[in-house]
Every structure is written in structure tokens, then in C-alpha cells.
């Protein structure tokens, strides 16, 4: 009998995994997958934001170059000159030799003629006679230069932007509601309409308005041709003989009827080597595929070579700009938009008081009117400076050691049955009275100013914030408190008008599509 050998048994190895191990592995994997899934949309959003900011910055530098090259864009008009012929709708500003150069004055020619040898007194109100020229003088403490937006507002199309008017001239914003002050910000078109303002501009003016106010490298190819008939006797046209589809159906031409079709198109010609090219703005497309004739502006001139290939492109209106100018300041703001909405709702003004301190509860409350000039609240004691130490004069607002403090919030009221303001985190709100732009960091909604202030942790007692007493609630209106990225500042004091009965003085505007607001020097 063979003895039992203990060492002859082979050690067995366990195969497979337990259910617990599988579950733990799945848990670990799910944590990683969820983390990655969370990062993907965030990275996409950050990539979009980075792209928008990059393009906005490029456009900002373009605007700075344009303003340096063509300073009349920001100065509204050219300096007045003696013995000079002026046509109607031409804008001028006081000459460099005038003692009024730094005054916020501008004049528009209402009757054309030749100016006098001596500069007129621009401080006169209303109409100014200058030899055979008649001027209408306006004050422009704060104003905007908006080539494309002003074009949209100039032509009364139901889908275009409708701006308020004063003295026959456009004002920035509109106010269809009963409450709140009208805008005191004038709107100008800048370079494009200096000679044809409120008239019938040419197609080249249309092209210039859009080309000036958009990022110039946003072009989409609509068609190409290698079979070109170019006539040297008629240098402003060429015929493309091998097109697959109708260019006139996909290439918008400048139009005076609708801002959405105000998109310039161009044709780019290449020589036989492909190393040299020129572009011409398209004014007309005729014919049917495969043969169509392209016409361009007379002012563009003939081609410097015989073209071998041609490419038709249309501008993509994605990034555009608007200048926000404060005459008394040494800087101005470039407001850059992404796919701006040219709609009256984007310029609707809502009642809001960006002025800090107290607003009068009666027409004769002079002290409270004065407080409303300052961007500092008088604090819990409702007295400028330190109430325990001094008289509480206006000059003591913000004095070190006092409870006065800059405000970084504002309450806006709106009709809930009408158009709700376009406010959101990261968006912008405009102080339309002082032409200041503030980024919104947060907001609190409620039924009235007292409710939103309480929800935001801001005391509402009369001795703390007299600007927003509960009796300043507009009947039937809702409120939203906006927290701002920076304290409220004011460019110029406003003459106290309105305010009686607690109605907020001033207004807020919420424009969609603002990427960034860049301050740039005036010179």
C-alpha cells in the first residue's frame, strides 16, 4: 500500500472576482467618468468664452486704430473752419483755437452755406447764424457712436431698432413706459453718415457702415470661379462663367430696408500666380447660373491685373462695436458685442436710481437733491461723514472713519406684464443717465425694493438707505436688485428733475450679447 504523500497535492488558486470587488471597481470608474463628463461641457464653455474674448480684444485694438486714424469719429465732427462751405447735416465742434474746445458742444448744419471769417459764439442756445450757414447747437456731455446701430435706427423698419428722438435727432435708448426719465445720451453714426445723415445713403455708405463696425476678418465663402471674363473697357464688372448655384440668393447685398440684410459682400480676385489679390465691394449681381455678372463700386476703381480666379464672400456679422464716450473723461469705452440684437427691446429703459444718497420726496427738498449727486451712501446715520464729529456737510461724504460707503448694487423696477429686463449673471447693465457700464455678478428678485433689499441683507430703514424707501415702489411694478462687479460711479452730476412722490430718477438698460467693455484713451 502506497503511503499518502502530503506534498503530492497541488495548491489550488482561486479564479474570478467577488461581487463586492466588481461593485467597488464600478464605483471608482463611475466617479472618474462623471468627473470627466462634468469637465467636458465646462471646457467647451471656457473655450467659447476664450474665443469670444480673443476676437473682442482684436476688435478693440482695431477700434483704437480707427479712432486714431479718423478722430472725427469720436469728436462727432471736424473742428470748425472759417470761410468753408458746409452742407446740411454736417457736424462740427469748436475749433482748436476756440476757448470752448473743452466744452461739451457740437453743432449740426441745418442750412448749408459758407462760414464766416470769425468763429461764432457756440454758447448761444438753439440756432446759431454763421454768415450764410445756420447751425443747431447741442450739448453732448455723454454720447455714443454706433455706426451699425444708428443705421438700424435711422430707417423705420418694424424689425429694426427704434430709438427715442429729441429735436429730430436720435437718443440712445427708448422708454415706452410711463415712469422713469428719458435718455439724455445722444446717438451718432460716426464716419458713415457724416454727409448723408437721415437722408438716403448710397450702397457704398451701407457697406462702409457695416464694414467699419464689424470684425473685418469674419467672411464666409459663397462661391468660386476659374472661368472669368473681364473687360478692360468696362472695368467695373466681370462675368463668372462656371457657377454651380445662384450667388444672388446666398450673397446679401447692402440694403436700406432691413438691418439683417445689411451685410456687405465682396469679390476677391487672384492673379495667375495666386500670390496677389485685390477685393472689391459688390453692388450688383445679375444673370443666372452658370453665368453671372458682378458689379462693384465705381470708387473702387479698375483691377491692377487680369484675374485668373475669383472668390465671392459675405461678411458674417458676429463681432461688432459701439463707442461709449464721456466728454469730461480722458477715456472712452469700446463695447464689443457678439451677434448683437438690433431690436428696440435691447434699448428699453427701466426705472432705476444709480444716483446714491437720498432722492427728494418733494419738489423743494434741496438737500436730498444734492445728496443724489454722489456715488456714496451716507450710511446708517443718514449723515455725510461722521455725525458725532461734525456738521454733516456734503463735502464730508466718504470721509475716513465715517460709515459712508460706495454702493455696488442697484434696484431696477419693471412692469411684470410687459417686457422683462434681460438681466443675468455675467451680463451688463447700463446706467443710461451717466453712460456707465456694470457687469452683474448676482441678482435678487422680489415684489418691491424693500423686499429685494431685505433678501439681499441690505437694511431698508429711512436712516440707512433713503434712496429706496418702501414708498418708492412704483404701483404694480416688480423689482430686481442687481449686485455689481464694481462700485457705482457717476460721470457728471444731473440736474434734479422729477423724483417727486418717490419715483426713481434715471434708468437702466440691458443690452444682450455684450462680450466685454474696454476703456481706451481718447488720444
Protein backbone atom coordinates (compact mmCIF):
# COMPACT_ATOMS: atom_id res chain seq x y z
CA UNK A 1 0.00 0.00 0.00
CA UNK A 2 1.40 3.29 -1.08
CA UNK A 3 1.72 5.72 1.77
CA UNK A 4 -0.20 9.04 1.49
CA UNK A 5 2.09 11.79 0.26
CA UNK A 6 1.03 15.21 1.60
CA UNK A 7 3.33 17.05 -0.80
CA UNK A 8 1.76 15.45 -3.83
CA UNK A 9 -1.34 17.65 -3.56
CA UNK A 10 -1.05 20.75 -5.66
CA UNK A 11 -2.07 24.04 -4.15
CA UNK A 12 -5.29 25.30 -5.81
CA UNK A 13 -5.60 29.00 -6.99
CA UNK A 14 -8.86 30.91 -6.78
CA UNK A 15 -10.22 32.07 -10.13
CA UNK A 16 -12.62 35.07 -10.79
CA UNK A 17 -13.68 38.01 -8.60
CA UNK A 18 -16.29 38.50 -6.00
CA UNK A 19 -19.39 40.66 -6.44
CA UNK A 20 -18.07 43.13 -3.88
CA UNK A 21 -14.92 43.71 -5.88
CA UNK A 22 -16.92 44.30 -9.05
CA UNK A 23 -19.13 46.84 -7.32
CA UNK A 24 -16.17 48.69 -5.84
CA UNK A 25 -14.50 48.81 -9.27
CA UNK A 26 -17.66 50.15 -10.86
CA UNK A 27 -17.95 52.79 -8.16
CA UNK A 28 -14.40 54.01 -8.75
CA UNK A 29 -14.88 54.02 -12.51
CA UNK A 30 -18.18 55.89 -12.26
CA UNK A 31 -16.56 58.61 -10.17
CA UNK A 32 -13.92 59.11 -12.86
CA UNK A 33 -16.41 59.01 -15.73
CA UNK A 34 -18.74 61.51 -14.03
CA UNK A 35 -15.79 63.81 -13.34
CA UNK A 36 -14.73 63.70 -16.98
CA UNK A 37 -18.30 64.20 -18.17
CA UNK A 38 -18.55 67.27 -15.93
CA UNK A 39 -15.31 68.71 -17.26
CA UNK A 40 -16.23 68.39 -20.95
CA UNK A 41 -19.11 70.93 -21.05
CA UNK A 42 -17.15 73.28 -18.79
CA UNK A 43 -14.17 73.10 -21.13
CA UNK A 44 -16.41 73.76 -24.13
CA UNK A 45 -17.91 76.83 -22.43
CA UNK A 46 -14.47 78.08 -21.42
CA UNK A 47 -13.24 77.55 -24.98
CA UNK A 48 -16.17 79.58 -26.35
CA UNK A 49 -15.54 82.34 -23.83
CA UNK A 50 -11.83 82.39 -24.69
CA UNK A 51 -12.61 82.63 -28.41
CA UNK A 52 -15.07 85.46 -27.86
CA UNK A 53 -12.68 87.38 -25.63
CA UNK A 54 -9.84 86.91 -28.14
CA UNK A 55 -11.94 88.24 -31.01
CA UNK A 56 -13.33 91.02 -28.83
CA UNK A 57 -9.82 92.09 -27.88
CA UNK A 58 -8.74 92.08 -31.54
CA UNK A 59 -11.73 94.25 -32.41
CA UNK A 60 -10.95 96.57 -29.53
CA UNK A 61 -7.45 97.21 -30.95
CA UNK A 62 -8.97 97.72 -34.40
CA UNK A 63 -11.28 100.38 -32.97
CA UNK A 64 -8.40 102.10 -31.22
CA UNK A 65 -6.57 102.27 -34.56
CA UNK A 66 -9.66 103.56 -36.37
CA UNK A 67 -10.19 106.29 -33.80
CA UNK A 68 -6.53 107.36 -34.06
CA UNK A 69 -6.72 107.48 -37.86
CA UNK A 70 -10.15 109.14 -38.06
CA UNK A 71 -10.55 111.25 -34.89
CA UNK A 72 -13.82 112.81 -36.09
CA UNK A 73 -15.48 109.51 -35.22
CA UNK A 74 -15.17 110.27 -31.53
CA UNK A 75 -15.40 114.07 -31.79
CA UNK A 76 -18.71 113.84 -33.69
CA UNK A 77 -17.49 116.29 -36.32
CA UNK A 78 -14.42 118.10 -37.57
CA UNK A 79 -13.27 121.38 -35.97
CA UNK A 80 -14.99 124.47 -37.40
CA UNK A 81 -13.06 126.30 -40.14
CA UNK A 82 -13.52 129.87 -41.41
CA UNK A 83 -14.67 130.61 -44.98
CA UNK A 84 -15.55 126.98 -45.56
CA UNK A 85 -18.50 125.54 -47.48
CA UNK A 86 -20.75 123.37 -45.30
CA UNK A 87 -23.69 121.24 -46.40
CA UNK A 88 -26.76 120.28 -44.39
CA UNK A 89 -26.34 117.53 -41.78
CA UNK A 90 -22.60 118.19 -41.43
CA UNK A 91 -21.38 118.15 -37.81
CA UNK A 92 -18.68 120.42 -36.39
CA UNK A 93 -17.16 121.07 -32.97
CA UNK A 94 -15.44 124.24 -31.68
CA UNK A 95 -12.10 124.85 -33.38
CA UNK A 96 -8.77 124.21 -31.70
CA UNK A 97 -8.37 127.98 -31.24
CA UNK A 98 -11.74 128.39 -29.57
CA UNK A 99 -11.86 128.90 -25.78
CA UNK A 100 -14.80 126.47 -25.85
CA UNK A 101 -12.78 123.50 -27.14
CA UNK A 102 -13.21 121.55 -23.92
CA UNK A 103 -16.90 122.35 -23.63
CA UNK A 104 -19.33 119.60 -24.44
CA UNK A 105 -20.68 121.34 -27.53
CA UNK A 106 -21.35 120.24 -31.09
CA UNK A 107 -23.30 121.79 -33.94
CA UNK A 108 -25.14 120.35 -36.92
CA UNK A 109 -25.62 122.34 -40.11
CA UNK A 110 -29.31 122.90 -40.80
CA UNK A 111 -28.86 125.37 -43.69
CA UNK A 112 -25.84 124.95 -45.92
CA UNK A 113 -23.55 127.78 -47.00
CA UNK A 114 -20.12 129.32 -46.39
CA UNK A 115 -18.93 130.05 -42.87
CA UNK A 116 -17.82 133.47 -41.66
CA UNK A 117 -14.26 134.64 -41.14
CA UNK A 118 -14.78 134.67 -37.35
CA UNK A 119 -15.98 131.70 -35.34
CA UNK A 120 -19.49 132.15 -33.92
CA UNK A 121 -20.36 132.08 -30.24
CA UNK A 122 -21.34 128.44 -29.70
CA UNK A 123 -22.71 129.17 -26.23
CA UNK A 124 -25.85 130.60 -27.76
CA UNK A 125 -28.86 128.42 -27.31
CA UNK A 126 -30.74 126.91 -30.22
CA UNK A 127 -29.91 128.33 -33.65
CA UNK A 128 -26.57 130.00 -34.43
CA UNK A 129 -26.06 132.10 -37.58
CA UNK A 130 -22.63 131.84 -39.17
CA UNK A 131 -22.65 134.05 -42.31
CA UNK A 132 -24.79 132.02 -44.74
CA UNK A 133 -24.59 128.87 -42.59
CA UNK A 134 -27.14 128.04 -39.91
CA UNK A 135 -26.13 125.76 -37.07
CA UNK A 136 -28.13 123.94 -34.41
CA UNK A 137 -26.02 123.62 -31.24
CA UNK A 138 -26.38 120.70 -28.87
CA UNK A 139 -24.66 119.70 -25.64
CA UNK A 140 -23.06 116.29 -25.67
CA UNK A 141 -21.65 115.57 -22.21
CA UNK A 142 -22.09 111.87 -22.86
CA UNK A 143 -22.90 110.23 -26.19
CA UNK A 144 -22.45 107.06 -28.22
CA UNK A 145 -21.02 106.42 -31.67
CA UNK A 146 -22.80 103.43 -33.16
CA UNK A 147 -22.42 103.12 -36.98
CA UNK A 148 -24.42 99.96 -37.50
CA UNK A 149 -26.92 100.51 -34.69
CA UNK A 150 -27.63 104.06 -35.83
CA UNK A 151 -28.18 102.78 -39.34
CA UNK A 152 -30.78 100.35 -37.99
CA UNK A 153 -32.48 103.14 -36.08
CA UNK A 154 -32.42 105.62 -38.98
CA UNK A 155 -34.79 103.63 -41.18
CA UNK A 156 -38.18 102.98 -39.66
CA UNK A 157 -38.49 99.26 -40.27
CA UNK A 158 -40.74 97.17 -37.97
CA UNK A 159 -37.91 94.75 -37.24
CA UNK A 160 -35.22 97.38 -36.78
CA UNK A 161 -34.21 99.18 -33.62
CA UNK A 162 -36.37 102.14 -32.64
CA UNK A 163 -34.61 104.87 -30.67
CA UNK A 164 -36.02 107.86 -28.90
CA UNK A 165 -35.72 111.28 -30.53
CA UNK A 166 -35.12 114.81 -29.32
CA UNK A 167 -35.09 117.78 -31.65
CA UNK A 168 -35.26 115.43 -34.61
CA UNK A 169 -32.08 113.60 -33.54
CA UNK A 170 -31.73 110.14 -32.14
CA UNK A 171 -31.16 109.41 -28.46
CA UNK A 172 -29.66 106.21 -27.10
CA UNK A 173 -32.46 104.01 -25.82
CA UNK A 174 -36.23 104.16 -25.77
CA UNK A 175 -38.74 104.38 -22.98
CA UNK A 176 -42.25 103.11 -23.73
CA UNK A 177 -43.25 103.14 -20.07
CA UNK A 178 -44.81 105.99 -18.10
CA UNK A 179 -42.22 106.13 -15.32
CA UNK A 180 -38.53 106.95 -15.45
CA UNK A 181 -36.51 109.64 -17.18
CA UNK A 182 -35.85 109.69 -20.91
CA UNK A 183 -32.27 109.12 -22.01
CA UNK A 184 -30.03 112.17 -22.22
CA UNK A 185 -27.47 110.28 -24.34
CA UNK A 186 -27.27 111.28 -28.00
CA UNK A 187 -26.55 108.66 -30.66
CA UNK A 188 -24.27 109.35 -33.61
CA UNK A 189 -23.27 107.21 -36.55
CA UNK A 190 -19.64 108.29 -36.78
CA UNK A 191 -17.88 108.16 -40.12
CA UNK A 192 -20.51 106.57 -42.35
CA UNK A 193 -23.24 109.20 -42.28
CA UNK A 194 -21.39 112.48 -41.87
CA UNK A 195 -22.63 113.69 -45.26
CA UNK A 196 -25.85 111.70 -45.65
CA UNK A 197 -27.31 111.64 -42.14
CA UNK A 198 -31.04 110.97 -42.14
CA UNK A 199 -31.05 111.03 -45.93
CA UNK A 200 -30.82 108.23 -48.46
CA UNK A 201 -27.29 106.82 -48.30
CA UNK A 202 -25.61 105.08 -51.18
CA UNK A 203 -24.80 101.39 -51.19
CA UNK A 204 -21.17 102.18 -50.51
CA UNK A 205 -22.21 104.07 -47.37
CA UNK A 206 -24.13 100.96 -46.30
CA UNK A 207 -21.11 98.78 -46.93
CA UNK A 208 -18.91 101.20 -45.03
CA UNK A 209 -21.22 101.33 -42.01
CA UNK A 210 -21.18 97.57 -41.56
CA UNK A 211 -17.55 97.11 -42.51
CA UNK A 212 -16.49 99.79 -40.05
CA UNK A 213 -18.35 98.35 -37.08
CA UNK A 214 -17.64 94.63 -37.51
CA UNK A 215 -14.59 92.44 -37.13
CA UNK A 216 -13.12 92.64 -40.65
CA UNK A 217 -11.91 89.04 -40.94
CA UNK A 218 -15.30 87.35 -40.45
CA UNK A 219 -16.05 86.34 -44.06
CA UNK A 220 -17.82 83.29 -45.46
CA UNK A 221 -17.04 81.94 -48.96
CA UNK A 222 -20.17 81.79 -51.14
CA UNK A 223 -18.68 80.72 -54.47
CA UNK A 224 -15.52 80.45 -56.57
CA UNK A 225 -14.85 80.71 -60.28
CA UNK A 226 -11.92 79.87 -62.57
CA UNK A 227 -13.63 80.96 -65.77
CA UNK A 228 -13.67 84.75 -65.66
CA UNK A 229 -14.47 87.22 -68.40
CA UNK A 230 -13.01 90.60 -67.50
CA UNK A 231 -13.46 93.54 -69.84
CA UNK A 232 -10.90 96.30 -69.78
CA UNK A 233 -13.40 98.64 -71.43
CA UNK A 234 -15.86 98.16 -68.61
CA UNK A 235 -13.54 97.69 -65.61
CA UNK A 236 -16.29 97.74 -63.00
CA UNK A 237 -17.83 94.40 -63.99
CA UNK A 238 -16.74 90.84 -64.60
CA UNK A 239 -18.57 87.69 -65.60
CA UNK A 240 -18.20 84.34 -63.81
CA UNK A 241 -18.97 81.52 -66.24
CA UNK A 242 -18.77 78.31 -64.17
CA UNK A 243 -21.03 78.81 -61.15
CA UNK A 244 -22.99 75.91 -59.67
CA UNK A 245 -25.68 77.97 -57.96
CA UNK A 246 -27.20 81.44 -57.82
CA UNK A 247 -24.91 83.83 -55.94
CA UNK A 248 -27.64 86.45 -55.62
CA UNK A 249 -29.63 84.02 -53.46
CA UNK A 250 -26.81 83.43 -50.96
CA UNK A 251 -24.85 86.69 -51.10
CA UNK A 252 -26.73 89.53 -49.36
CA UNK A 253 -26.18 92.97 -50.81
CA UNK A 254 -26.32 96.25 -48.88
CA UNK A 255 -29.93 97.24 -48.29
CA UNK A 256 -31.68 100.20 -46.68
CA UNK A 257 -34.75 98.22 -45.64
CA UNK A 258 -33.61 95.67 -43.07
CA UNK A 259 -30.56 95.54 -40.81
CA UNK A 260 -30.34 91.75 -41.03
CA UNK A 261 -29.70 92.01 -44.78
CA UNK A 262 -27.25 94.87 -44.32
CA UNK A 263 -24.30 92.50 -44.78
CA UNK A 264 -21.66 93.55 -47.30
CA UNK A 265 -20.43 91.15 -49.94
CA UNK A 266 -17.15 91.32 -51.80
CA UNK A 267 -15.39 89.64 -54.68
CA UNK A 268 -11.72 88.74 -54.30
CA UNK A 269 -9.59 88.47 -57.47
CA UNK A 270 -6.34 86.48 -57.73
CA UNK A 271 -3.70 86.77 -60.42
CA UNK A 272 -2.38 83.78 -62.37
CA UNK A 273 0.35 83.12 -59.78
CA UNK A 274 -2.07 83.16 -56.86
CA UNK A 275 0.29 85.43 -54.93
CA UNK A 276 -1.50 88.72 -55.48
CA UNK A 277 -5.11 89.59 -54.80
CA UNK A 278 -7.47 92.57 -54.63
CA UNK A 279 -11.02 92.91 -53.32
CA UNK A 280 -13.97 94.95 -54.49
CA UNK A 281 -17.32 95.54 -52.70
CA UNK A 282 -20.19 94.03 -54.68
CA UNK A 283 -23.05 96.35 -55.58
CA UNK A 284 -24.98 94.15 -58.00
CA UNK A 285 -25.29 90.53 -59.17
CA UNK A 286 -27.15 89.81 -62.42
CA UNK A 287 -27.74 86.74 -64.57
CA UNK A 288 -28.44 83.11 -63.74
CA UNK A 289 -26.04 80.21 -63.12
CA UNK A 290 -23.71 79.15 -64.53
CA UNK A 291 -23.13 82.68 -65.86
CA UNK A 292 -23.48 85.70 -63.57
CA UNK A 293 -22.11 89.23 -63.79
CA UNK A 294 -20.64 91.00 -60.77
CA UNK A 295 -20.63 94.80 -60.47
CA UNK A 296 -18.66 96.75 -57.88
CA UNK A 297 -18.41 100.34 -56.69
CA UNK A 298 -17.09 102.97 -59.08
CA UNK A 299 -14.92 104.46 -56.35
CA UNK A 300 -13.05 101.16 -56.00
CA UNK A 301 -11.52 101.50 -59.46
CA UNK A 302 -10.28 99.05 -62.07
CA UNK A 303 -8.28 95.90 -61.35
CA UNK A 304 -4.48 96.17 -61.44
CA UNK A 305 -4.13 92.81 -63.24
CA UNK A 306 -6.13 90.36 -65.32
CA UNK A 307 -7.77 87.96 -62.84
CA UNK A 308 -7.32 84.20 -63.13
CA UNK A 309 -9.67 83.15 -60.31
CA UNK A 310 -12.30 84.87 -58.23
CA UNK A 311 -13.98 84.21 -54.91
CA UNK A 312 -17.26 85.71 -53.70
CA UNK A 313 -17.56 86.22 -49.94
CA UNK A 314 -20.10 87.66 -47.50
CA UNK A 315 -19.36 89.30 -44.17
CA UNK A 316 -20.58 87.40 -41.14
CA UNK A 317 -21.96 89.88 -38.66
CA UNK A 318 -20.70 88.29 -35.46
CA UNK A 319 -18.50 90.74 -33.55
CA UNK A 320 -19.39 94.43 -33.65
CA UNK A 321 -18.59 97.50 -31.57
CA UNK A 322 -20.07 100.70 -30.22
CA UNK A 323 -18.23 103.64 -28.66
CA UNK A 324 -19.41 104.99 -25.31
CA UNK A 325 -17.92 108.45 -24.83
CA UNK A 326 -17.92 110.71 -21.79
CA UNK A 327 -16.80 114.17 -22.87
CA UNK A 328 -15.39 115.18 -19.48
CA UNK A 329 -13.34 111.99 -19.13
CA UNK A 330 -9.94 111.23 -20.63
CA UNK A 331 -11.12 107.75 -21.67
CA UNK A 332 -13.94 106.19 -23.63
CA UNK A 333 -15.36 102.68 -23.65
CA UNK A 334 -15.47 100.23 -26.54
CA UNK A 335 -18.49 97.97 -26.08
CA UNK A 336 -17.99 94.74 -28.05
CA UNK A 337 -20.99 92.57 -28.95
CA UNK A 338 -21.35 89.00 -30.16
CA UNK A 339 -24.31 88.59 -32.54
CA UNK A 340 -25.88 91.82 -31.34
CA UNK A 341 -29.66 92.06 -31.41
CA UNK A 342 -30.78 95.18 -33.27
CA UNK A 343 -34.08 95.36 -31.50
CA UNK A 344 -35.89 98.06 -29.56
CA UNK A 345 -36.19 95.72 -26.53
CA UNK A 346 -32.41 95.79 -26.09
CA UNK A 347 -32.51 99.56 -25.65
CA UNK A 348 -35.59 99.75 -23.45
CA UNK A 349 -35.05 101.89 -20.35
CA UNK A 350 -36.28 100.66 -16.97
CA UNK A 351 -36.73 102.87 -13.86
CA UNK A 352 -33.66 102.72 -11.61
CA UNK A 353 -31.69 105.13 -9.41
CA UNK A 354 -27.94 104.81 -9.87
CA UNK A 355 -27.57 108.09 -8.01
CA UNK A 356 -26.78 107.37 -4.39
CA UNK A 357 -27.77 109.12 -1.20
CA UNK A 358 -31.32 110.44 -0.87
CA UNK A 359 -33.71 111.31 -3.67
CA UNK A 360 -36.20 114.04 -2.91
CA UNK A 361 -39.61 113.13 -1.57
CA UNK A 362 -40.87 116.57 -2.57
CA UNK A 363 -40.04 119.11 -5.22
CA UNK A 364 -38.46 121.55 -2.73
CA UNK A 365 -36.19 119.08 -0.91
CA UNK A 366 -32.92 120.70 -2.00
CA UNK A 367 -30.67 118.88 0.49
CA UNK A 368 -31.77 115.47 -0.67
CA UNK A 369 -31.40 116.53 -4.29
CA UNK A 370 -27.77 117.41 -3.58
CA UNK A 371 -27.13 114.04 -1.96
CA UNK A 372 -28.32 112.35 -5.11
CA UNK A 373 -25.26 113.73 -6.94
CA UNK A 374 -22.79 111.47 -5.14
CA UNK A 375 -21.87 107.77 -5.57
CA UNK A 376 -21.53 107.29 -1.80
CA UNK A 377 -24.34 106.40 0.59
CA UNK A 378 -24.48 108.37 3.83
CA UNK A 379 -24.56 105.18 5.89
CA UNK A 380 -26.70 104.20 8.87
CA UNK A 381 -26.72 107.67 10.39
CA UNK A 382 -28.03 109.22 7.12
CA UNK A 383 -25.43 111.98 7.52
CA UNK A 384 -22.31 112.65 5.43
CA UNK A 385 -19.07 111.95 7.27
CA UNK A 386 -19.20 111.18 10.97
CA UNK A 387 -22.37 112.51 12.58
CA UNK A 388 -20.73 112.52 16.02
CA UNK A 389 -17.94 114.85 14.98
CA UNK A 390 -19.20 117.40 12.52
CA UNK A 391 -21.88 119.23 10.66
CA UNK A 392 -22.59 116.56 8.06
CA UNK A 393 -21.95 118.70 5.00
CA UNK A 394 -21.97 117.18 1.51
CA UNK A 395 -18.19 117.64 1.26
CA UNK A 396 -17.76 115.15 4.12
CA UNK A 397 -19.27 112.21 2.20
CA UNK A 398 -16.83 109.30 2.26
CA UNK A 399 -14.58 110.93 4.85
CA UNK A 400 -12.19 108.42 6.51
CA UNK A 401 -13.67 106.96 9.68
CA UNK A 402 -17.26 107.57 8.62
CA UNK A 403 -19.87 104.93 7.86
CA UNK A 404 -20.31 106.27 4.32
CA UNK A 405 -19.58 103.65 1.71
CA UNK A 406 -19.63 103.25 -2.10
CA UNK A 407 -22.57 101.25 -3.29
CA UNK A 408 -22.16 98.24 -5.58
CA UNK A 409 -25.83 97.41 -6.06
CA UNK A 410 -28.87 98.96 -7.68
CA UNK A 411 -32.60 98.26 -7.67
CA UNK A 412 -34.40 98.19 -11.01
CA UNK A 413 -38.21 98.18 -11.32
CA UNK A 414 -40.19 96.83 -14.28
CA UNK A 415 -43.73 96.06 -15.33
CA UNK A 416 -44.22 92.28 -14.95
CA UNK A 417 -46.98 92.36 -17.58
CA UNK A 418 -44.61 93.93 -20.12
CA UNK A 419 -41.08 93.18 -21.27
CA UNK A 420 -38.85 91.78 -18.55
CA UNK A 421 -35.29 93.15 -18.50
CA UNK A 422 -32.55 90.91 -19.95
CA UNK A 423 -30.51 90.60 -16.77
CA UNK A 424 -28.33 87.60 -15.96
CA UNK A 425 -25.13 86.76 -14.10
CA UNK A 426 -22.19 87.88 -16.19
CA UNK A 427 -24.34 90.25 -18.24
CA UNK A 428 -24.18 94.03 -18.22
CA UNK A 429 -26.45 96.81 -17.04
CA UNK A 430 -26.07 100.37 -18.32
CA UNK A 431 -26.62 103.47 -16.21
CA UNK A 432 -28.27 105.35 -19.05
CA UNK A 433 -28.10 108.72 -17.28
CA UNK A 434 -24.33 108.63 -16.78
CA UNK A 435 -23.33 106.18 -19.53
CA UNK A 436 -21.60 103.77 -17.19
CA UNK A 437 -21.43 100.01 -17.78
CA UNK A 438 -21.53 97.48 -14.93
CA UNK A 439 -21.14 93.71 -15.02
CA UNK A 440 -23.80 91.86 -13.00
CA UNK A 441 -22.42 89.34 -10.51
CA UNK A 442 -25.73 88.30 -8.93
CA UNK A 443 -29.36 89.35 -8.65
CA UNK A 444 -32.30 89.06 -6.24
CA UNK A 445 -35.89 89.25 -7.50
CA UNK A 446 -38.92 90.38 -5.49
CA UNK A 447 -42.16 92.30 -5.39
CA UNK A 448 -40.74 95.69 -4.38
CA UNK A 449 -37.47 97.47 -3.48
CA UNK A 450 -37.84 96.76 0.25
CA UNK A 451 -38.34 93.03 -0.39
CA UNK A 452 -35.26 92.61 -2.60
CA UNK A 453 -33.11 94.69 -0.28
CA UNK A 454 -34.18 92.57 2.69
CA UNK A 455 -33.48 89.37 0.74
CA UNK A 456 -30.02 90.69 -0.13
CA UNK A 457 -29.28 91.57 3.51
CA UNK A 458 -29.41 95.35 2.98
CA UNK A 459 -31.25 97.37 5.69
CA UNK A 460 -34.20 99.40 4.45
CA UNK A 461 -34.67 101.87 7.29
CA UNK A 462 -35.12 105.52 6.41
CA UNK A 463 -31.93 106.40 8.28
CA UNK A 464 -29.92 103.93 6.23
CA UNK A 465 -30.90 103.99 2.59
CA UNK A 466 -33.35 106.86 1.99
CA UNK A 467 -32.92 106.41 -1.77
CA UNK A 468 -35.02 103.25 -1.66
CA UNK A 469 -37.79 103.84 0.84
CA UNK A 470 -40.70 101.39 0.55
CA UNK A 471 -42.98 104.22 -0.58
CA UNK A 472 -40.87 104.49 -3.73
CA UNK A 473 -42.47 101.34 -5.06
CA UNK A 474 -43.99 102.02 -8.49
CA UNK A 475 -47.57 100.72 -8.34
CA UNK A 476 -47.86 97.30 -9.96
CA UNK A 477 -44.13 97.02 -10.71
CA UNK A 478 -41.77 94.21 -9.70
CA UNK A 479 -38.18 94.76 -8.56
CA UNK A 480 -34.78 93.17 -9.00
CA UNK A 481 -31.66 94.05 -7.01
CA UNK A 482 -28.50 93.75 -9.08
CA UNK A 483 -25.14 93.19 -7.42
CA UNK A 484 -22.42 94.85 -9.48
CA UNK A 485 -18.79 93.97 -10.07
CA UNK A 486 -17.60 97.45 -9.09
CA UNK A 487 -18.95 100.37 -7.08
CA UNK A 488 -21.26 102.84 -8.75
CA UNK A 489 -19.54 105.84 -10.29
CA UNK A 490 -21.04 108.88 -11.93
CA UNK A 491 -19.56 110.85 -14.82
CA UNK A 492 -21.40 114.14 -14.29
CA UNK A 493 -23.99 115.42 -11.79
CA UNK A 494 -27.52 115.54 -13.10
CA UNK A 495 -29.88 118.44 -12.59
CA UNK A 496 -32.53 117.16 -10.17
CA UNK A 497 -35.70 116.68 -12.19
CA UNK A 498 -38.64 114.53 -11.27
CA UNK A 499 -38.34 112.35 -8.23
CA UNK A 500 -41.40 113.80 -6.53
CA UNK A 501 -43.54 111.09 -5.00
CA UNK A 502 -40.63 108.69 -4.73
CA UNK A 503 -40.40 107.76 -8.43
CA UNK A 504 -36.83 106.66 -9.26
CA UNK A 505 -34.89 109.16 -11.31
CA UNK A 506 -32.76 107.77 -14.13
CA UNK A 507 -32.86 104.41 -15.81
CA UNK A 508 -31.19 101.10 -16.55
CA UNK A 509 -30.69 99.40 -19.91
CA UNK A 510 -29.91 95.74 -20.55
CA UNK A 511 -28.27 95.02 -23.91
CA UNK A 512 -27.77 91.40 -24.90
CA UNK A 513 -24.62 89.94 -26.42
CA UNK A 514 -22.04 92.18 -24.71
CA UNK A 515 -18.72 90.31 -24.53
CA UNK A 516 -16.68 92.98 -22.77
CA UNK A 517 -16.40 96.72 -22.21
CA UNK A 518 -12.87 98.04 -22.81
CA UNK A 519 -11.75 101.50 -21.68
CA UNK A 520 -9.36 103.12 -24.17
CA UNK A 521 -7.70 106.55 -24.19
CA UNK A 522 -9.21 109.28 -26.32
CA UNK A 523 -5.88 110.14 -27.88
